[in-house]
Amino acid sequence: MGQSLGIFQGRQRRERHIKVITDRVFKRVKNQSGKDTLSFEDLYIAVLLVYNDINKRLPGPHFDPPSKDQVRTMMQECDVNFDGEIDNEEFVKFILKLTSDTFVLVSQGLLVTLIVAPTVAMATKKATEGVPGVGKVLQKVPNSIYASLVTLAIVWFQTSVQDYD
């Protein structure tokens, strides 16, 4: 849960995480090609590897990688020295530009979960006051603990449903 909350720490943290991922992927693809730059084919393989990491590590829906045409267009935009290949610094800028929408969607999903879930928890706790047996037990549980338990249950449910998709 701490990593999920880390998304709210700002752009610098996101850029550091992307830099770590991009350096690892760039090094892996570079070692296979033997060059210090990535051609279009190498770049597309790297994009697929980055999206694989994103889908493994970030909460939220599955994100499809961009098409080859989209990658080719963005490659031309990020190739600052116009040599037709992408070096490590250009690759970091390329991936930041490519994944900006992905991180916005993940952040929005976390906000909804972390704001709506405690609100629903408190509403259900209030609604159970008149239920015999259950109402008295729930009223003894502190609000913060009850809200945390319901939020964790909702997050667990969301991740288990995504595993089956």
N, C-alpha and C. Protein backbone atom coordinates (compact mmCIF):
# COMPACT_ATOMS: atom_id res chain seq x y z
N MET A 1 0.83 -1.18 0.00
CA MET A 1 0.00 0.00 0.00
C MET A 1 0.87 1.24 0.00
N GLY A 2 2.06 1.14 0.60
CA GLY A 2 2.96 2.28 0.64
C GLY A 2 3.42 2.69 -0.74
N GLN A 3 3.65 1.70 -1.62
CA GLN A 3 4.04 2.03 -2.98
C GLN A 3 2.90 2.69 -3.73
N SER A 4 1.68 2.26 -3.45
CA SER A 4 0.52 2.87 -4.11
C SER A 4 0.38 4.32 -3.69
N LEU A 5 0.60 4.61 -2.43
CA LEU A 5 0.50 5.98 -1.96
C LEU A 5 1.66 6.82 -2.46
N GLY A 6 2.78 6.18 -2.81
CA GLY A 6 3.94 6.90 -3.33
C GLY A 6 3.66 7.61 -4.64
N ILE A 7 2.64 7.20 -5.37
CA ILE A 7 2.30 7.83 -6.64
C ILE A 7 1.93 9.29 -6.41
N PHE A 8 1.40 9.61 -5.23
CA PHE A 8 0.96 10.96 -4.96
C PHE A 8 2.11 11.89 -4.59
N GLN A 9 3.34 11.39 -4.55
CA GLN A 9 4.47 12.21 -4.13
C GLN A 9 5.02 13.08 -5.24
N GLY A 10 4.47 13.00 -6.40
CA GLY A 10 4.83 13.97 -7.40
C GLY A 10 5.57 13.44 -8.60
N ARG A 11 5.83 14.39 -9.46
CA ARG A 11 6.42 14.10 -10.75
C ARG A 11 7.86 13.60 -10.63
N GLN A 12 8.63 14.12 -9.68
CA GLN A 12 10.02 13.71 -9.54
C GLN A 12 10.13 12.23 -9.22
N ARG A 13 9.29 11.76 -8.34
CA ARG A 13 9.31 10.34 -7.96
C ARG A 13 8.96 9.48 -9.17
N ARG A 14 7.96 9.87 -9.93
CA ARG A 14 7.56 9.13 -11.12
C ARG A 14 8.70 9.10 -12.13
N GLU A 15 9.35 10.22 -12.32
CA GLU A 15 10.45 10.29 -13.28
C GLU A 15 11.64 9.44 -12.83
N ARG A 16 11.89 9.37 -11.51
CA ARG A 16 12.97 8.50 -11.01
C ARG A 16 12.65 7.04 -11.29
N HIS A 17 11.41 6.65 -11.04
CA HIS A 17 11.01 5.26 -11.30
C HIS A 17 11.12 4.93 -12.78
N ILE A 18 10.68 5.84 -13.61
CA ILE A 18 10.76 5.60 -15.05
C ILE A 18 12.22 5.54 -15.49
N LYS A 19 13.07 6.38 -14.91
CA LYS A 19 14.49 6.37 -15.26
C LYS A 19 15.11 5.01 -14.92
N VAL A 20 14.76 4.45 -13.78
CA VAL A 20 15.28 3.13 -13.39
C VAL A 20 14.81 2.06 -14.39
N ILE A 21 13.51 2.09 -14.72
CA ILE A 21 12.97 1.11 -15.66
C ILE A 21 13.60 1.28 -17.04
N THR A 22 13.69 2.53 -17.50
CA THR A 22 14.23 2.76 -18.85
C THR A 22 15.70 2.40 -18.93
N ASP A 23 16.47 2.70 -17.89
CA ASP A 23 17.89 2.32 -17.91
C ASP A 23 18.06 0.81 -18.00
N ARG A 24 17.25 0.09 -17.23
CA ARG A 24 17.33 -1.37 -17.23
C ARG A 24 16.93 -1.92 -18.61
N VAL A 25 15.82 -1.42 -19.16
CA VAL A 25 15.35 -1.90 -20.46
C VAL A 25 16.32 -1.51 -21.56
N PHE A 26 16.82 -0.26 -21.52
CA PHE A 26 17.76 0.20 -22.55
C PHE A 26 19.01 -0.67 -22.54
N LYS A 27 19.51 -0.94 -21.35
CA LYS A 27 20.72 -1.77 -21.23
C LYS A 27 20.47 -3.18 -21.76
N ARG A 28 19.31 -3.74 -21.46
CA ARG A 28 18.98 -5.09 -21.91
C ARG A 28 18.89 -5.16 -23.44
N VAL A 29 18.18 -4.21 -24.04
CA VAL A 29 18.02 -4.22 -25.50
C VAL A 29 19.33 -3.86 -26.18
N LYS A 30 20.07 -2.92 -25.58
CA LYS A 30 21.36 -2.51 -26.14
C LYS A 30 22.34 -3.69 -26.16
N ASN A 31 22.35 -4.49 -25.11
CA ASN A 31 23.25 -5.64 -25.04
C ASN A 31 22.93 -6.67 -26.12
N GLN A 32 21.65 -6.78 -26.48
CA GLN A 32 21.27 -7.72 -27.52
C GLN A 32 21.68 -7.23 -28.90
N SER A 33 21.62 -5.90 -29.11
CA SER A 33 21.96 -5.37 -30.43
C SER A 33 23.44 -5.03 -30.55
N GLY A 34 24.10 -4.77 -29.43
CA GLY A 34 25.53 -4.48 -29.45
C GLY A 34 25.86 -3.03 -29.75
N LYS A 35 24.86 -2.15 -29.84
CA LYS A 35 25.10 -0.73 -30.13
C LYS A 35 24.71 0.11 -28.91
N ASP A 36 25.16 1.38 -28.91
CA ASP A 36 24.79 2.29 -27.83
C ASP A 36 23.51 3.07 -28.13
N THR A 37 22.90 2.81 -29.27
CA THR A 37 21.65 3.44 -29.65
C THR A 37 20.66 2.37 -30.07
N LEU A 38 19.39 2.75 -30.11
CA LEU A 38 18.34 1.81 -30.50
C LEU A 38 17.79 2.18 -31.86
N SER A 39 17.74 1.22 -32.75
CA SER A 39 17.06 1.40 -34.03
C SER A 39 15.56 1.30 -33.77
N PHE A 40 14.77 1.49 -34.81
CA PHE A 40 13.32 1.41 -34.63
C PHE A 40 12.89 0.04 -34.10
N GLU A 41 13.44 -1.02 -34.65
CA GLU A 41 13.06 -2.37 -34.22
C GLU A 41 13.43 -2.59 -32.75
N ASP A 42 14.63 -2.15 -32.38
CA ASP A 42 15.05 -2.27 -30.98
C ASP A 42 14.18 -1.42 -30.07
N LEU A 43 13.82 -0.24 -30.54
CA LEU A 43 12.97 0.65 -29.76
C LEU A 43 11.60 0.03 -29.52
N TYR A 44 11.04 -0.58 -30.53
CA TYR A 44 9.72 -1.19 -30.35
C TYR A 44 9.78 -2.35 -29.37
N ILE A 45 10.84 -3.13 -29.42
CA ILE A 45 11.02 -4.21 -28.43
C ILE A 45 11.12 -3.61 -27.03
N ALA A 46 11.85 -2.52 -26.90
CA ALA A 46 11.99 -1.85 -25.59
C ALA A 46 10.64 -1.33 -25.10
N VAL A 47 9.84 -0.78 -25.99
CA VAL A 47 8.51 -0.30 -25.60
C VAL A 47 7.65 -1.45 -25.09
N LEU A 48 7.71 -2.58 -25.76
CA LEU A 48 6.96 -3.75 -25.31
C LEU A 48 7.43 -4.21 -23.93
N LEU A 49 8.73 -4.17 -23.69
CA LEU A 49 9.26 -4.55 -22.37
C LEU A 49 8.81 -3.58 -21.29
N VAL A 50 8.80 -2.28 -21.60
CA VAL A 50 8.36 -1.27 -20.63
C VAL A 50 6.89 -1.47 -20.30
N TYR A 51 6.06 -1.68 -21.30
CA TYR A 51 4.64 -1.89 -21.04
C TYR A 51 4.40 -3.21 -20.28
N ASN A 52 5.23 -4.19 -20.50
CA ASN A 52 5.14 -5.41 -19.72
C ASN A 52 5.40 -5.12 -18.24
N ASP A 53 6.43 -4.31 -17.95
CA ASP A 53 6.72 -3.92 -16.56
C ASP A 53 5.58 -3.10 -15.98
N ILE A 54 5.04 -2.18 -16.75
CA ILE A 54 3.93 -1.35 -16.27
C ILE A 54 2.74 -2.23 -15.90
N ASN A 55 2.40 -3.16 -16.74
CA ASN A 55 1.25 -4.02 -16.48
C ASN A 55 1.48 -4.96 -15.31
N LYS A 56 2.73 -5.32 -15.05
CA LYS A 56 3.04 -6.18 -13.91
C LYS A 56 3.01 -5.41 -12.59
N ARG A 57 3.51 -4.19 -12.59
CA ARG A 57 3.80 -3.50 -11.33
C ARG A 57 2.77 -2.46 -10.91
N LEU A 58 2.04 -1.88 -11.84
CA LEU A 58 1.12 -0.81 -11.47
C LEU A 58 -0.30 -1.34 -11.29
N PRO A 59 -0.99 -0.81 -10.28
CA PRO A 59 -2.39 -1.22 -10.12
C PRO A 59 -3.22 -0.59 -11.22
N GLY A 60 -4.33 -1.21 -11.53
CA GLY A 60 -5.21 -0.67 -12.55
C GLY A 60 -5.39 -1.63 -13.70
N PRO A 61 -6.02 -1.15 -14.74
CA PRO A 61 -6.31 -2.03 -15.88
C PRO A 61 -5.05 -2.36 -16.68
N HIS A 62 -5.19 -3.31 -17.58
CA HIS A 62 -4.10 -3.67 -18.49
C HIS A 62 -3.95 -2.55 -19.53
N PHE A 63 -2.72 -2.13 -19.78
CA PHE A 63 -2.46 -1.08 -20.76
C PHE A 63 -1.81 -1.70 -21.99
N ASP A 64 -2.44 -1.49 -23.14
CA ASP A 64 -1.89 -1.99 -24.39
C ASP A 64 -0.78 -1.07 -24.87
N PRO A 65 0.29 -1.64 -25.40
CA PRO A 65 1.37 -0.80 -25.94
C PRO A 65 0.90 -0.11 -27.22
N PRO A 66 1.56 0.97 -27.59
CA PRO A 66 1.17 1.69 -28.81
C PRO A 66 1.51 0.88 -30.06
N SER A 67 0.90 1.27 -31.15
CA SER A 67 1.18 0.58 -32.42
C SER A 67 2.55 0.99 -32.94
N LYS A 68 3.03 0.26 -33.93
CA LYS A 68 4.33 0.58 -34.52
C LYS A 68 4.32 1.96 -35.16
N ASP A 69 3.19 2.34 -35.76
CA ASP A 69 3.10 3.67 -36.38
C ASP A 69 3.21 4.77 -35.32
N GLN A 70 2.56 4.58 -34.18
CA GLN A 70 2.65 5.56 -33.10
C GLN A 70 4.08 5.66 -32.58
N VAL A 71 4.73 4.52 -32.43
CA VAL A 71 6.12 4.52 -31.96
C VAL A 71 7.02 5.22 -32.97
N ARG A 72 6.81 4.95 -34.25
CA ARG A 72 7.63 5.57 -35.29
C ARG A 72 7.47 7.11 -35.27
N THR A 73 6.24 7.58 -35.12
CA THR A 73 5.98 9.02 -35.06
C THR A 73 6.64 9.65 -33.84
N MET A 74 6.49 9.02 -32.68
CA MET A 74 7.09 9.55 -31.46
C MET A 74 8.61 9.47 -31.51
N MET A 75 9.14 8.47 -32.19
CA MET A 75 10.59 8.35 -32.33
C MET A 75 11.14 9.55 -33.09
N GLN A 76 10.45 9.94 -34.13
CA GLN A 76 10.89 11.10 -34.91
C GLN A 76 10.82 12.39 -34.07
N GLU A 77 9.83 12.49 -33.19
CA GLU A 77 9.70 13.67 -32.33
C GLU A 77 10.79 13.72 -31.26
N CYS A 78 11.20 12.56 -30.75
CA CYS A 78 12.17 12.51 -29.65
C CYS A 78 13.62 12.38 -30.11
N ASP A 79 13.85 12.13 -31.37
CA ASP A 79 15.21 12.00 -31.91
C ASP A 79 15.77 13.40 -32.14
N VAL A 80 16.40 13.96 -31.11
CA VAL A 80 16.86 15.35 -31.18
C VAL A 80 18.07 15.54 -32.08
N ASN A 81 18.89 14.52 -32.26
CA ASN A 81 20.05 14.68 -33.13
C ASN A 81 19.81 14.16 -34.54
N PHE A 82 18.58 13.74 -34.85
CA PHE A 82 18.14 13.34 -36.18
C PHE A 82 19.03 12.29 -36.84
N ASP A 83 19.50 11.32 -36.04
CA ASP A 83 20.33 10.26 -36.61
C ASP A 83 19.51 9.00 -36.92
N GLY A 84 18.21 9.02 -36.64
CA GLY A 84 17.35 7.88 -36.91
C GLY A 84 17.40 6.81 -35.85
N GLU A 85 18.14 7.06 -34.77
CA GLU A 85 18.23 6.12 -33.66
C GLU A 85 18.08 6.88 -32.36
N ILE A 86 17.78 6.15 -31.31
CA ILE A 86 17.51 6.75 -30.00
C ILE A 86 18.61 6.34 -29.04
N ASP A 87 19.24 7.36 -28.40
CA ASP A 87 20.22 7.06 -27.36
C ASP A 87 19.50 7.00 -26.02
N ASN A 88 20.25 6.79 -24.93
CA ASN A 88 19.64 6.59 -23.62
C ASN A 88 18.83 7.80 -23.15
N GLU A 89 19.36 9.00 -23.29
CA GLU A 89 18.64 10.20 -22.85
C GLU A 89 17.39 10.43 -23.67
N GLU A 90 17.47 10.20 -24.97
CA GLU A 90 16.29 10.34 -25.82
C GLU A 90 15.26 9.27 -25.47
N PHE A 91 15.74 8.09 -25.09
CA PHE A 91 14.85 7.00 -24.71
C PHE A 91 14.06 7.35 -23.45
N VAL A 92 14.70 7.97 -22.47
CA VAL A 92 14.00 8.36 -21.24
C VAL A 92 12.90 9.36 -21.58
N LYS A 93 13.21 10.37 -22.39
CA LYS A 93 12.20 11.36 -22.79
C LYS A 93 11.08 10.70 -23.58
N PHE A 94 11.43 9.76 -24.45
CA PHE A 94 10.45 9.04 -25.24
C PHE A 94 9.47 8.29 -24.34
N ILE A 95 9.99 7.56 -23.37
CA ILE A 95 9.14 6.77 -22.48
C ILE A 95 8.30 7.67 -21.58
N LEU A 96 8.87 8.78 -21.10
CA LEU A 96 8.08 9.71 -20.28
C LEU A 96 6.89 10.24 -21.07
N LYS A 97 7.13 10.58 -22.31
CA LYS A 97 6.05 11.09 -23.15
C LYS A 97 5.04 9.98 -23.45
N LEU A 98 5.52 8.80 -23.69
CA LEU A 98 4.67 7.67 -24.05
C LEU A 98 3.77 7.22 -22.91
N THR A 99 4.28 7.28 -21.69
CA THR A 99 3.54 6.74 -20.54
C THR A 99 2.81 7.78 -19.71
N SER A 100 2.81 9.03 -20.12
CA SER A 100 2.17 10.06 -19.29
C SER A 100 0.68 9.78 -19.09
N ASP A 101 -0.03 9.34 -20.12
CA ASP A 101 -1.46 9.03 -19.98
C ASP A 101 -1.68 7.83 -19.07
N THR A 102 -0.80 6.87 -19.12
CA THR A 102 -0.92 5.67 -18.29
C THR A 102 -0.89 6.02 -16.81
N PHE A 103 0.06 6.89 -16.44
CA PHE A 103 0.18 7.25 -15.02
C PHE A 103 -0.99 8.11 -14.56
N VAL A 104 -1.56 8.89 -15.44
CA VAL A 104 -2.75 9.67 -15.08
C VAL A 104 -3.90 8.73 -14.77
N LEU A 105 -4.11 7.71 -15.60
CA LEU A 105 -5.19 6.75 -15.36
C LEU A 105 -5.00 5.97 -14.07
N VAL A 106 -3.78 5.56 -13.79
CA VAL A 106 -3.50 4.83 -12.55
C VAL A 106 -3.75 5.72 -11.35
N SER A 107 -3.32 6.96 -11.41
CA SER A 107 -3.51 7.90 -10.30
C SER A 107 -5.00 8.15 -10.05
N GLN A 108 -5.77 8.30 -11.13
CA GLN A 108 -7.20 8.53 -10.97
C GLN A 108 -7.86 7.32 -10.32
N GLY A 109 -7.47 6.11 -10.72
CA GLY A 109 -8.04 4.91 -10.13
C GLY A 109 -7.73 4.80 -8.65
N LEU A 110 -6.50 5.17 -8.27
CA LEU A 110 -6.13 5.14 -6.86
C LEU A 110 -6.89 6.18 -6.06
N LEU A 111 -7.07 7.36 -6.63
CA LEU A 111 -7.83 8.40 -5.93
C LEU A 111 -9.25 7.94 -5.66
N VAL A 112 -9.88 7.36 -6.66
CA VAL A 112 -11.25 6.89 -6.48
C VAL A 112 -11.30 5.83 -5.39
N THR A 113 -10.38 4.89 -5.44
CA THR A 113 -10.36 3.82 -4.44
C THR A 113 -10.12 4.36 -3.05
N LEU A 114 -9.13 5.25 -2.92
CA LEU A 114 -8.75 5.72 -1.59
C LEU A 114 -9.68 6.79 -1.02
N ILE A 115 -10.55 7.37 -1.84
CA ILE A 115 -11.50 8.35 -1.33
C ILE A 115 -12.90 7.74 -1.20
N VAL A 116 -13.32 7.01 -2.21
CA VAL A 116 -14.67 6.45 -2.21
C VAL A 116 -14.80 5.31 -1.20
N ALA A 117 -13.80 4.45 -1.12
CA ALA A 117 -13.90 3.28 -0.24
C ALA A 117 -14.12 3.66 1.23
N PRO A 118 -13.36 4.59 1.82
CA PRO A 118 -13.64 4.95 3.21
C PRO A 118 -15.02 5.60 3.39
N THR A 119 -15.46 6.34 2.40
CA THR A 119 -16.79 6.97 2.48
C THR A 119 -17.88 5.90 2.48
N VAL A 120 -17.74 4.92 1.61
CA VAL A 120 -18.70 3.82 1.57
C VAL A 120 -18.65 3.04 2.88
N ALA A 121 -17.47 2.85 3.42
CA ALA A 121 -17.32 2.11 4.69
C ALA A 121 -18.08 2.81 5.81
N MET A 122 -17.93 4.11 5.91
CA MET A 122 -18.60 4.83 6.99
C MET A 122 -20.12 4.84 6.79
N ALA A 123 -20.56 4.91 5.54
CA ALA A 123 -22.00 4.87 5.27
C ALA A 123 -22.58 3.51 5.63
N THR A 124 -21.87 2.44 5.31
CA THR A 124 -22.38 1.11 5.66
C THR A 124 -22.35 0.87 7.17
N LYS A 125 -21.35 1.43 7.84
CA LYS A 125 -21.29 1.28 9.30
C LYS A 125 -22.49 1.97 9.94
N LYS A 126 -22.81 3.13 9.44
CA LYS A 126 -23.95 3.88 9.97
C LYS A 126 -25.25 3.14 9.66
N ALA A 127 -25.34 2.53 8.48
CA ALA A 127 -26.56 1.83 8.08
C ALA A 127 -26.78 0.55 8.89
N THR A 128 -25.74 -0.03 9.45
CA THR A 128 -25.88 -1.28 10.19
C THR A 128 -26.19 -1.07 11.67
N GLU A 129 -26.36 0.18 12.09
CA GLU A 129 -26.63 0.43 13.52
C GLU A 129 -27.86 -0.31 14.02
N GLY A 130 -28.89 -0.42 13.21
CA GLY A 130 -30.14 -1.06 13.64
C GLY A 130 -30.18 -2.56 13.44
N VAL A 131 -29.18 -3.14 12.81
CA VAL A 131 -29.17 -4.58 12.56
C VAL A 131 -28.76 -5.31 13.84
N PRO A 132 -29.60 -6.23 14.31
CA PRO A 132 -29.27 -6.94 15.55
C PRO A 132 -27.98 -7.75 15.43
N GLY A 133 -27.15 -7.70 16.41
CA GLY A 133 -25.90 -8.45 16.45
C GLY A 133 -24.78 -7.76 15.70
N VAL A 134 -24.96 -7.55 14.41
CA VAL A 134 -23.92 -6.96 13.57
C VAL A 134 -23.70 -5.49 13.94
N GLY A 135 -24.79 -4.77 14.14
CA GLY A 135 -24.70 -3.34 14.44
C GLY A 135 -23.87 -3.05 15.68
N LYS A 136 -24.09 -3.81 16.75
CA LYS A 136 -23.36 -3.58 18.00
C LYS A 136 -21.88 -3.91 17.84
N VAL A 137 -21.58 -4.96 17.10
CA VAL A 137 -20.18 -5.34 16.90
C VAL A 137 -19.46 -4.27 16.09
N LEU A 138 -20.08 -3.81 15.01
CA LEU A 138 -19.44 -2.80 14.17
C LEU A 138 -19.29 -1.46 14.88
N GLN A 139 -20.21 -1.14 15.76
CA GLN A 139 -20.10 0.13 16.48
C GLN A 139 -18.92 0.13 17.45
N LYS A 140 -18.48 -1.05 17.88
CA LYS A 140 -17.33 -1.14 18.78
C LYS A 140 -16.01 -0.99 18.05
N VAL A 141 -15.99 -1.23 16.74
CA VAL A 141 -14.77 -1.11 15.94
C VAL A 141 -14.52 0.38 15.66
N PRO A 142 -13.31 0.87 15.95
CA PRO A 142 -13.03 2.29 15.65
C PRO A 142 -13.19 2.59 14.16
N ASN A 143 -13.66 3.81 13.87
CA ASN A 143 -13.91 4.20 12.48
C ASN A 143 -12.69 4.06 11.59
N SER A 144 -11.53 4.45 12.09
CA SER A 144 -10.32 4.40 11.25
C SER A 144 -9.95 2.96 10.88
N ILE A 145 -10.09 2.05 11.83
CA ILE A 145 -9.77 0.65 11.55
C ILE A 145 -10.79 0.06 10.59
N TYR A 146 -12.07 0.36 10.81
CA TYR A 146 -13.11 -0.16 9.93
C TYR A 146 -12.94 0.36 8.50
N ALA A 147 -12.67 1.66 8.36
CA ALA A 147 -12.48 2.24 7.03
C ALA A 147 -11.26 1.63 6.34
N SER A 148 -10.18 1.42 7.10
CA SER A 148 -8.98 0.81 6.53
C SER A 148 -9.24 -0.62 6.06
N LEU A 149 -9.95 -1.39 6.87
CA LEU A 149 -10.26 -2.77 6.50
C LEU A 149 -11.12 -2.84 5.24
N VAL A 150 -12.12 -1.97 5.15
CA VAL A 150 -12.99 -1.98 3.97
C VAL A 150 -12.20 -1.53 2.74
N THR A 151 -11.34 -0.53 2.89
CA THR A 151 -10.51 -0.06 1.77
C THR A 151 -9.57 -1.16 1.30
N LEU A 152 -8.91 -1.85 2.22
CA LEU A 152 -8.04 -2.96 1.84
C LEU A 152 -8.81 -4.09 1.16
N ALA A 153 -10.01 -4.35 1.63
CA ALA A 153 -10.84 -5.38 1.00
C ALA A 153 -11.21 -4.99 -0.43
N ILE A 154 -11.53 -3.73 -0.65
CA ILE A 154 -11.88 -3.26 -2.00
C ILE A 154 -10.66 -3.33 -2.91
N VAL A 155 -9.50 -2.91 -2.43
CA VAL A 155 -8.27 -2.98 -3.23
C VAL A 155 -7.95 -4.44 -3.55
N TRP A 156 -8.07 -5.32 -2.58
CA TRP A 156 -7.82 -6.75 -2.80
C TRP A 156 -8.78 -7.30 -3.85
N PHE A 157 -10.05 -6.92 -3.74
CA PHE A 157 -11.05 -7.38 -4.70
C PHE A 157 -10.72 -6.88 -6.11
N GLN A 158 -10.33 -5.62 -6.24
CA GLN A 158 -9.98 -5.07 -7.55
C GLN A 158 -8.80 -5.81 -8.16
N THR A 159 -7.77 -6.07 -7.37
CA THR A 159 -6.59 -6.76 -7.92
C THR A 159 -6.90 -8.21 -8.25
N SER A 160 -7.76 -8.87 -7.46
CA SER A 160 -8.10 -10.25 -7.77
C SER A 160 -8.95 -10.34 -9.03
N VAL A 161 -9.81 -9.38 -9.27
CA VAL A 161 -10.63 -9.36 -10.48
C VAL A 161 -9.73 -9.12 -11.69
N GLN A 162 -8.73 -8.24 -11.56
CA GLN A 162 -7.83 -7.94 -12.67
C GLN A 162 -6.98 -9.14 -13.03
N ASP A 163 -6.66 -9.99 -12.06
CA ASP A 163 -5.88 -11.18 -12.34
C ASP A 163 -6.62 -12.15 -13.25
N TYR A 164 -7.95 -12.13 -13.20
CA TYR A 164 -8.73 -13.02 -14.03
C TYR A 164 -9.05 -12.45 -15.41
N ASP A 165 -8.82 -11.17 -15.62
CA ASP A 165 -9.11 -10.54 -16.92
C ASP A 165 -8.12 -10.91 -17.98
